[in-house]
Structure formats: C-alpha cells, structure tokens
Amino acid sequence: DEISVTVTGPLLPQQPTNLMDIGTRAMSTTIQWTVPIIAYTPETYVVNYGTSMSSLDMMSDPVESGSDFEAVNQVFSVALTGLVDTTTYFYQVVATNGQGSTSSGIQSFTTT
C-alpha cells in the first residue's frame, strides 16, 4: 500500500468577512470583523479608513492574530477615534502575513 502526502506552503491571509461598525458615536466607532481561519502566523490586521472611498488614507492601530491554526471564525475589533461628527467614513480591513496581504471589501459608516 502506498501513502500519499501533500504538503502545502504558507498561504496568503483569508479575506476578512462580516465587517461592521459597532457603537458609532460623534467622534469614534469600533470596527469588528471575522477571520475564517488563520492561514499563516503571525497575521496582522489594520483598518484603513477615510472620508473618500478612493482615499483610505488613515490607518488604525494594528491587531495581531493568535497562533492557533485550528481556530475558526475568530472575531477581531479595533477602535477608531478622533473622527469628525456627522461625517461618512469608508473603511477596509487589510490582513497581512509573511506571504502578502488580502483586503476586505470597502464598507462605510456615518458618525452621529
């Protein structure tokens, strides 16, 4: 009997999903997202955001993943502060590991 083993190298990060803004106020919000699986550790996540969909020129503090390859659907979040009230912001979560980066779709929220 033969045994076949397939070995794959490290992968790009999975695309962040289920993006949402929670607790939006006049000058702050929290962005939350789900990572289906950790493709290759360590992974770092940042939220790029701005007042124009074509210019996400601000960046959140980085959020680090754990090293548990068996964890699925991990939820991460980061606070965005110093925002301007009654302003629409666009944002995108970028996941990065040693193999490169993967970005979520662009979402928006409006401060109160």
Protein backbone atom coordinates (compact mmCIF):
# COMPACT_ATOMS: atom_id res chain seq x y z
CA ASP A 1 0.00 0.00 0.00
CA GLU A 2 1.18 3.48 -0.88
CA ILE A 3 0.62 6.54 1.23
CA SER A 4 0.37 9.92 -0.41
CA VAL A 5 1.11 13.10 1.50
CA THR A 6 0.57 16.58 0.12
CA VAL A 7 2.48 19.41 1.76
CA THR A 8 1.46 22.97 1.03
CA GLY A 9 3.40 26.06 1.87
CA PRO A 10 2.16 29.09 3.78
CA LEU A 11 -0.84 30.84 2.29
CA LEU A 12 -2.00 34.42 1.94
CA PRO A 13 -4.35 35.53 4.73
CA GLN A 14 -8.04 34.72 4.35
CA GLN A 15 -10.17 37.72 3.38
CA PRO A 16 -11.73 39.35 6.49
CA THR A 17 -15.54 38.94 6.48
CA ASN A 18 -18.61 40.17 8.38
CA LEU A 19 -17.32 43.73 8.71
CA MET A 20 -19.42 46.01 10.86
CA ASP A 21 -19.16 49.21 12.80
CA ILE A 22 -20.47 48.97 16.33
CA GLY A 23 -21.05 51.70 18.87
CA THR A 24 -20.64 54.58 16.41
CA ARG A 25 -20.67 57.96 18.15
CA ALA A 26 -19.80 61.54 17.23
CA MET A 27 -16.03 61.06 17.29
CA SER A 28 -15.43 57.30 17.47
CA THR A 29 -16.53 53.84 16.43
CA THR A 30 -15.36 50.26 16.73
CA ILE A 31 -14.81 48.17 13.61
CA GLN A 32 -15.34 44.43 14.02
CA TRP A 33 -14.60 41.62 11.56
CA THR A 34 -14.29 37.85 11.34
CA VAL A 35 -11.30 35.84 10.10
CA PRO A 36 -12.45 32.43 8.79
CA ILE A 37 -9.09 30.76 9.51
CA ILE A 38 -5.56 31.87 10.31
CA ALA A 39 -3.64 30.98 7.15
CA TYR A 40 -0.11 31.54 8.41
CA THR A 41 1.01 33.14 11.64
CA PRO A 42 1.60 35.75 12.63
CA GLU A 43 -1.12 37.72 10.88
CA THR A 44 -1.63 41.44 11.41
CA TYR A 45 -4.84 43.34 10.69
CA VAL A 46 -5.31 47.07 10.19
CA VAL A 47 -8.31 49.15 9.23
CA ASN A 48 -7.61 51.68 6.50
CA TYR A 49 -10.23 54.43 6.50
CA GLY A 50 -11.00 57.87 5.17
CA THR A 51 -13.76 60.20 4.02
CA SER A 52 -13.45 59.16 0.39
CA MET A 53 -13.87 55.64 -0.95
CA SER A 54 -10.89 56.21 -3.23
CA SER A 55 -8.62 57.56 -0.49
CA LEU A 56 -8.45 55.41 2.64
CA ASP A 57 -5.53 57.45 3.93
CA MET A 58 -5.85 56.84 7.70
CA MET A 59 -4.88 53.63 9.49
CA SER A 60 -5.90 52.05 12.78
CA ASP A 61 -3.52 50.55 15.30
CA PRO A 62 -2.53 47.02 14.23
CA VAL A 63 -4.27 43.96 15.67
CA GLU A 64 -2.26 40.72 15.93
CA SER A 65 -3.72 37.23 15.44
CA GLY A 66 -3.08 34.34 17.73
CA SER A 67 -1.12 31.31 16.61
CA ASP A 68 -3.94 28.76 16.87
CA PHE A 69 -4.22 27.19 13.41
CA GLU A 70 -7.31 25.25 14.48
CA ALA A 71 -9.34 28.32 15.46
CA VAL A 72 -12.10 29.21 13.02
CA ASN A 73 -14.22 32.33 12.66
CA GLN A 74 -12.20 34.43 15.09
CA VAL A 75 -13.68 37.87 15.74
CA PHE A 76 -11.35 40.87 15.97
CA SER A 77 -12.05 44.55 16.56
CA VAL A 78 -10.29 47.90 16.76
CA ALA A 79 -11.43 51.33 17.93
CA LEU A 80 -11.21 54.34 15.63
CA THR A 81 -11.05 57.65 17.49
CA GLY A 82 -10.57 61.30 16.63
CA LEU A 83 -13.32 61.18 14.00
CA VAL A 84 -15.39 64.19 12.91
CA ASP A 85 -19.09 64.16 13.84
CA THR A 86 -21.79 63.78 11.16
CA THR A 87 -19.22 62.55 8.64
CA THR A 88 -19.32 59.47 6.42
CA TYR A 89 -16.20 57.31 6.57
CA PHE A 90 -15.22 54.42 4.32
CA TYR A 91 -13.11 51.57 5.63
CA GLN A 92 -11.42 48.32 4.64
CA VAL A 93 -9.68 45.66 6.74
CA VAL A 94 -6.28 44.53 5.46
CA ALA A 95 -4.85 41.20 6.66
CA THR A 96 -1.08 40.69 6.26
CA ASN A 97 1.24 37.75 6.89
CA GLY A 98 4.67 36.69 5.63
CA GLN A 99 3.17 35.74 2.25
CA GLY A 100 1.43 39.05 1.48
CA SER A 101 -1.85 40.90 2.10
CA THR A 102 -5.55 40.37 1.49
CA SER A 103 -8.19 43.11 1.78
CA SER A 104 -11.85 43.05 2.61
CA GLY A 105 -14.44 44.90 0.60
CA ILE A 106 -15.00 48.58 1.43
CA GLN A 107 -17.78 49.46 3.88
CA SER A 108 -18.97 52.77 5.31
CA PHE A 109 -20.39 54.30 8.48
CA THR A 110 -21.52 57.79 9.47
CA THR A 111 -20.66 59.37 12.79
CA THR A 112 -23.54 60.89 14.77
